Protein backbone atom coordinates (compact mmCIF):
# COMPACT_ATOMS: atom_id res chain seq x y z
CA UNK A 1 0.08 0.00 0.02
CA UNK A 2 2.83 2.37 0.88
CA UNK A 3 4.46 1.68 -2.53
CA UNK A 4 1.18 2.54 -4.32
CA UNK A 5 0.96 5.83 -2.38
CA UNK A 6 4.55 6.62 -3.24
CA UNK A 7 3.83 5.92 -6.83
CA UNK A 8 0.73 8.24 -6.88
CA UNK A 9 2.91 10.92 -5.24
CA UNK A 10 5.45 10.58 -8.00
CA UNK A 11 2.70 10.71 -10.67
CA UNK A 12 1.31 13.82 -9.05
CA UNK A 13 4.69 15.50 -8.92
CA UNK A 14 5.32 14.67 -12.55
CA UNK A 15 1.94 15.97 -13.52
CA UNK A 16 2.64 19.33 -11.62
CA UNK A 17 6.06 19.48 -13.31
CA UNK A 18 4.49 18.95 -16.78
CA UNK A 19 1.74 21.50 -16.06
CA UNK A 20 4.32 24.07 -15.04
CA UNK A 21 6.44 23.42 -18.11
CA UNK A 22 3.37 23.76 -20.36
CA UNK A 23 2.62 27.05 -18.66
CA UNK A 24 6.13 28.14 -19.29
CA UNK A 25 5.90 27.15 -22.90
CA UNK A 26 2.66 29.06 -23.29
CA UNK A 27 3.98 32.13 -21.53
CA UNK A 28 7.20 32.27 -23.61
CA UNK A 29 5.23 31.65 -26.82
CA UNK A 30 3.01 34.62 -26.01
CA UNK A 31 6.01 36.78 -25.27
CA UNK A 32 7.62 35.86 -28.56
CA UNK A 33 4.38 36.55 -30.37
CA UNK A 34 4.41 40.23 -29.14
CA UNK A 35 7.94 40.59 -30.50
CA UNK A 36 6.97 39.43 -33.97
CA UNK A 37 3.74 41.55 -34.20
CA UNK A 38 5.03 43.74 -36.97
CA UNK A 39 5.92 40.79 -39.20
CA UNK A 40 2.59 39.09 -38.45
CA UNK A 41 0.69 42.27 -39.53
CA UNK A 42 2.73 42.41 -42.77
CA UNK A 43 2.19 38.57 -43.44
CA UNK A 44 -1.58 39.18 -42.90
CA UNK A 45 -1.67 42.10 -45.12
CA UNK A 46 0.36 40.63 -47.99
CA UNK A 47 -1.46 37.22 -48.38
CA UNK A 48 -4.94 38.40 -49.61
CA UNK A 49 -3.42 39.75 -52.82
CA UNK A 50 -2.72 36.19 -53.87
CA UNK A 51 -6.41 35.43 -54.26
CA UNK A 52 -7.24 38.63 -56.10
CA UNK A 53 -8.79 37.95 -59.50
CA UNK A 54 -9.33 34.18 -58.94
CA UNK A 55 -12.87 32.61 -58.54
CA UNK A 56 -14.55 33.16 -55.19
CA UNK A 57 -14.91 29.47 -54.60
CA UNK A 58 -11.13 28.97 -54.80
CA UNK A 59 -10.28 31.66 -52.09
CA UNK A 60 -10.36 29.50 -49.18
CA UNK A 61 -8.70 26.45 -50.73
CA UNK A 62 -5.88 28.77 -51.76
CA UNK A 63 -5.49 30.23 -48.28
CA UNK A 64 -5.45 26.66 -46.93
CA UNK A 65 -2.66 25.60 -49.52
CA UNK A 66 -0.60 28.61 -48.48
CA UNK A 67 -1.23 27.79 -44.72
CA UNK A 68 -0.02 24.27 -45.15
CA UNK A 69 3.05 25.49 -47.04
CA UNK A 70 3.77 27.89 -44.25
CA UNK A 71 3.52 25.17 -41.54
CA UNK A 72 5.88 22.98 -43.55
CA UNK A 73 8.31 25.91 -43.88
CA UNK A 74 8.35 26.46 -40.18
CA UNK A 75 8.20 23.03 -38.66
CA UNK A 76 9.99 20.82 -41.13
CA UNK A 77 12.71 23.19 -42.55
CA UNK A 78 13.14 26.21 -40.32
CA UNK A 79 12.72 24.77 -36.93
CA UNK A 80 15.48 22.04 -37.23
CA UNK A 81 17.83 24.62 -38.92
CA UNK A 82 17.21 27.10 -36.09
CA UNK A 83 17.90 24.61 -33.37
CA UNK A 84 21.07 23.55 -35.13
CA UNK A 85 22.32 27.08 -35.59
CA UNK A 86 21.65 27.83 -31.88
CA UNK A 87 23.66 24.80 -30.71
CA UNK A 88 26.51 24.88 -33.21
CA UNK A 89 26.60 28.51 -34.55
CA UNK A 90 24.79 30.89 -32.30
CA UNK A 91 26.99 33.80 -33.66
CA UNK A 92 25.21 33.46 -37.01
CA UNK A 93 21.74 34.44 -35.52
CA UNK A 94 22.39 38.20 -35.35
CA UNK A 95 23.72 38.45 -38.95
CA UNK A 96 20.88 36.23 -40.16
CA UNK A 97 18.37 38.50 -38.45
CA UNK A 98 19.98 41.61 -40.01
CA UNK A 99 19.70 40.00 -43.48
CA UNK A 100 16.03 39.39 -42.91
CA UNK A 101 15.58 42.92 -41.60
CA UNK A 102 17.23 44.18 -44.81
CA UNK A 103 14.75 41.93 -46.76
CA UNK A 104 11.77 43.68 -44.91
CA UNK A 105 13.17 47.10 -45.58
CA UNK A 106 13.60 46.32 -49.29
CA UNK A 107 10.07 45.02 -49.51
CA UNK A 108 8.60 48.00 -47.71
CA UNK A 109 10.67 50.43 -49.77
CA UNK A 110 9.57 48.70 -52.98
CA UNK A 111 5.93 48.96 -52.11
CA UNK A 112 6.24 52.70 -51.43
CA UNK A 113 8.14 53.16 -54.68
CA UNK A 114 5.51 51.34 -56.71
CA UNK A 115 2.86 53.53 -54.95
CA UNK A 116 4.35 56.61 -56.50
CA UNK A 117 5.51 54.81 -59.66
CA UNK A 118 2.74 52.31 -60.51
CA UNK A 119 3.51 49.67 -63.17
CA UNK A 120 0.74 49.07 -65.64
CA UNK A 121 -0.50 45.44 -65.84
CA UNK A 122 -0.83 44.23 -69.42
CA UNK A 123 -4.06 42.75 -70.39
CA UNK A 124 -4.28 40.18 -73.21
CA UNK A 125 -7.90 39.98 -74.30
CA UNK A 126 -7.24 37.30 -76.95
CA UNK A 127 -5.97 34.77 -74.37
CA UNK A 128 -8.25 34.17 -71.45
CA UNK A 129 -6.76 33.68 -68.02
CA UNK A 130 -5.82 30.14 -67.06
CA UNK A 131 -7.12 30.23 -63.48
CA UNK A 132 -5.60 26.82 -62.60
CA UNK A 133 -2.09 27.78 -63.73
CA UNK A 134 -2.48 31.22 -62.08
CA UNK A 135 -3.42 29.65 -58.88
CA UNK A 136 -0.43 27.39 -58.82
CA UNK A 137 1.83 30.18 -59.59
CA UNK A 138 0.47 32.39 -56.91
CA UNK A 139 0.47 29.71 -54.27
CA UNK A 140 4.10 28.95 -55.01
CA UNK A 141 4.89 32.67 -54.86
CA UNK A 142 3.02 33.10 -51.59
CA UNK A 143 4.90 30.14 -49.97
CA UNK A 144 8.30 31.55 -51.10
CA UNK A 145 7.43 34.88 -49.56
CA UNK A 146 6.18 33.19 -46.42
CA UNK A 147 9.46 31.32 -46.11
CA UNK A 148 11.33 34.58 -45.72
CA UNK A 149 8.91 35.96 -43.16
CA UNK A 150 8.74 32.71 -41.28
CA UNK A 151 12.51 32.50 -41.18
CA UNK A 152 12.49 36.00 -39.67
CA UNK A 153 9.85 35.05 -37.20
CA UNK A 154 11.55 31.87 -36.11
CA UNK A 155 14.92 33.62 -35.72
CA UNK A 156 13.36 36.39 -33.52
CA UNK A 157 11.56 33.70 -31.55
CA UNK A 158 14.83 31.75 -31.01
CA UNK A 159 16.65 34.89 -29.85
CA UNK A 160 13.74 35.67 -27.32
CA UNK A 161 13.31 32.33 -25.76
CA UNK A 162 14.66 31.80 -22.18
CA UNK A 163 14.51 28.04 -22.10
CA UNK A 164 16.51 25.94 -19.79
CA UNK A 165 16.60 22.79 -21.91
CA UNK A 166 16.85 22.02 -25.64
CA UNK A 167 13.53 20.23 -25.74
CA UNK A 168 11.88 23.26 -24.11
CA UNK A 169 13.23 25.53 -26.68
CA UNK A 170 11.99 23.25 -29.51
CA UNK A 171 8.58 23.03 -27.88
CA UNK A 172 8.32 26.87 -27.64
CA UNK A 173 9.33 27.22 -31.34
CA UNK A 174 6.74 24.63 -32.39
CA UNK A 175 4.05 26.34 -30.40
CA UNK A 176 5.06 29.73 -31.91
CA UNK A 177 5.12 28.35 -35.41
CA UNK A 178 1.64 26.72 -35.16
CA UNK A 179 0.07 29.56 -33.23
CA UNK A 180 1.33 32.22 -35.64
CA UNK A 181 0.29 30.24 -38.78
CA UNK A 182 -3.26 29.68 -37.35
CA UNK A 183 -3.49 33.41 -36.35
CA UNK A 184 -2.24 34.77 -39.68
CA UNK A 185 -4.06 32.53 -42.10
CA UNK A 186 -7.30 32.47 -39.96
CA UNK A 187 -7.34 36.22 -40.18
CA UNK A 188 -6.55 36.00 -43.94
CA UNK A 189 -9.41 33.71 -44.42
CA UNK A 190 -11.69 36.12 -42.63
CA UNK A 191 -10.53 39.06 -44.64
CA UNK A 192 -10.92 37.41 -48.06
CA UNK A 193 -14.49 36.22 -47.25
CA UNK A 194 -15.61 39.31 -45.35
CA UNK A 195 -17.31 40.80 -48.45
CA UNK A 196 -19.08 37.56 -49.16
CA UNK A 197 -20.29 37.51 -45.57
CA UNK A 198 -21.40 41.15 -45.82
CA UNK A 199 -23.32 40.49 -49.10
CA UNK A 200 -25.08 37.59 -47.54
CA UNK A 201 -26.01 39.71 -44.58
CA UNK A 202 -27.20 42.53 -46.82
CA UNK A 203 -29.37 40.32 -48.91
CA UNK A 204 -30.74 37.86 -46.31
CA UNK A 205 -30.57 39.61 -43.03
CA UNK A 206 -33.67 39.27 -40.96
CA UNK A 207 -33.35 42.60 -39.33
CA UNK A 208 -32.73 45.97 -40.91
CA UNK A 209 -29.64 46.61 -38.71
CA UNK A 210 -28.13 43.32 -40.06
CA UNK A 211 -28.83 44.34 -43.57
CA UNK A 212 -27.25 47.83 -43.02
CA UNK A 213 -24.23 46.22 -41.35
CA UNK A 214 -23.72 43.88 -44.26
CA UNK A 215 -23.92 46.82 -46.75
CA UNK A 216 -21.39 48.65 -44.64
CA UNK A 217 -19.03 45.66 -44.63
CA UNK A 218 -19.28 45.49 -48.44
CA UNK A 219 -18.64 49.15 -48.96
CA UNK A 220 -15.95 49.30 -46.48
CA UNK A 221 -13.86 46.20 -47.31
CA UNK A 222 -11.82 47.71 -50.20
CA UNK A 223 -10.68 50.71 -48.01
CA UNK A 224 -10.13 48.39 -45.09
CA UNK A 225 -7.90 46.15 -47.04
CA UNK A 226 -6.02 49.19 -48.43
CA UNK A 227 -5.47 50.29 -44.82
CA UNK A 228 -4.23 46.85 -43.75
CA UNK A 229 -1.83 46.83 -46.66
CA UNK A 230 -0.59 50.25 -45.66
CA UNK A 231 -0.17 49.07 -41.95
CA UNK A 232 1.67 46.10 -43.33
CA UNK A 233 4.07 48.20 -45.28
CA UNK A 234 4.71 50.60 -42.34
CA UNK A 235 5.23 47.45 -40.08
CA UNK A 236 7.81 46.07 -42.56
CA UNK A 237 9.92 49.21 -42.43
CA UNK A 238 9.53 49.69 -38.60
CA UNK A 239 10.45 45.98 -37.83
CA UNK A 240 13.17 45.71 -40.41
CA UNK A 241 14.89 49.09 -39.37
CA UNK A 242 14.77 48.04 -35.61
CA UNK A 243 16.13 44.64 -36.34
CA UNK A 244 19.15 46.22 -38.26
CA UNK A 245 19.65 48.85 -35.56
CA UNK A 246 19.76 46.21 -32.81
CA UNK A 247 22.03 43.98 -34.96
CA UNK A 248 24.47 46.83 -35.30
CA UNK A 249 24.53 47.27 -31.54
CA UNK A 250 25.64 43.64 -31.25
CA UNK A 251 28.54 44.62 -33.48
CA UNK A 252 29.49 47.50 -31.08
CA UNK A 253 27.82 50.31 -33.29
CA UNK A 254 25.23 51.74 -31.08
CA UNK A 255 24.99 55.33 -32.18
CA UNK A 256 21.77 54.96 -34.05
CA UNK A 257 20.19 52.92 -31.28
CA UNK A 258 21.16 55.59 -28.73
CA UNK A 259 19.83 58.36 -30.89
CA UNK A 260 16.48 56.56 -31.19
CA UNK A 261 16.41 55.88 -27.45
CA UNK A 262 17.31 59.42 -26.53
CA UNK A 263 14.60 60.87 -28.78
CA UNK A 264 12.08 58.50 -27.33
CA UNK A 265 12.99 59.54 -23.78
CA UNK A 266 12.86 63.21 -24.71
CA UNK A 267 9.23 62.79 -26.03
CA UNK A 268 8.23 60.85 -22.91
CA UNK A 269 9.57 63.66 -20.77
CA UNK A 270 8.08 66.40 -22.73
CA UNK A 271 4.42 65.23 -22.93
CA UNK A 272 1.97 64.75 -20.11
CA UNK A 273 -0.64 62.77 -22.11
CA UNK A 274 0.03 59.18 -22.99
CA UNK A 275 3.86 59.51 -22.61
CA UNK A 276 4.36 55.70 -22.99
CA UNK A 277 2.49 55.47 -26.25
CA UNK A 278 4.11 58.67 -27.80
CA UNK A 279 7.54 57.49 -26.72
CA UNK A 280 6.97 54.05 -28.42
CA UNK A 281 5.46 55.81 -31.45
CA UNK A 282 8.65 57.96 -31.68
CA UNK A 283 10.80 54.92 -31.67
CA UNK A 284 8.64 53.11 -34.30
CA UNK A 285 8.74 56.27 -36.54
CA UNK A 286 12.56 56.65 -36.36
CA UNK A 287 13.08 52.96 -36.87
CA UNK A 288 10.65 53.15 -39.88
CA UNK A 289 12.54 56.12 -41.44
CA UNK A 290 15.86 54.31 -40.98
CA UNK A 291 14.26 51.19 -42.46
CA UNK A 292 12.97 53.18 -45.44
CA UNK A 293 16.37 54.61 -46.05
CA UNK A 294 18.02 51.19 -45.95
CA UNK A 295 15.30 49.83 -48.19
CA UNK A 296 15.71 52.51 -50.78
CA UNK A 297 19.51 52.01 -50.84
CA UNK A 298 19.06 48.22 -51.33
CA UNK A 299 16.33 48.92 -54.05
CA UNK A 300 18.77 51.17 -55.90
CA UNK A 301 21.74 48.72 -55.53
CA UNK A 302 19.46 45.70 -56.70
CA UNK A 303 18.02 47.71 -59.55
CA UNK A 304 21.49 48.78 -60.85
CA UNK A 305 22.85 45.29 -60.43
CA UNK A 306 19.86 43.79 -62.43
CA UNK A 307 20.47 46.23 -65.22
CA UNK A 308 24.16 45.53 -65.34
CA UNK A 309 23.46 41.69 -65.31
CA UNK A 310 20.98 42.02 -68.10
CA UNK A 311 23.40 44.06 -70.25
CA UNK A 312 26.19 41.56 -69.51
């Protein structure tokens, strides 16, 4: 009987330990999620464009295909690579983060450039669009773009984890990967179907208020999507710029980081209303300006390099 009681005590202790570890994994995953918020906004803002111009019935299947590709990217490719790097070459994490930050700056700057210098899309009336081929091409393009953003998310997550064991680190990364994928592509699914939901409410709503709300959703979705895309672009520049600045600090160049911190502190001290928010907004603005400058330089270099390569 005493042996059975001792066994039950051991089981209870193990259960408490497992529960505490699960709580720790959840807490760290939530902490990492807040640090990758900018990239998540951008990922959510970018993805809906891949279903534009395709049949409405294919919108959710396309989002599902991209989500599966994203999970494969994170869990099968990036998670093992991140764990190996952290064990055998942790010094590579900061340079990789900076490369990813540069990519975000480049993408954000390119979007702003095209906003002021739009490229006309050629229309071939004689050859109808092959929707199946277009769908495959867009899904492949979306998964490639997701790979870059996912690599950045996983690297940020890895550098933010305070895990005592290797398996705990892997568990937190896996939870982050699954949670972020569900959050991003669940939001994307809602965004791409919101106009259909609004139209159904406007047509079949039992109450007048429901029909008015549906009409408002249908009318407001184009502007809302533009707003989300704009927020995504700003988030790319802000996150990319901050990553590069913090990366430079790890290489003992902290002048830009100190300037941003000092300006934020000055704003916090100068205002009496919402000093915390305004200080954070100052940091985000300065990081975004720096990110835009880096992105425009990269855009110029890549454009010139492409021209030279074509001529060669």
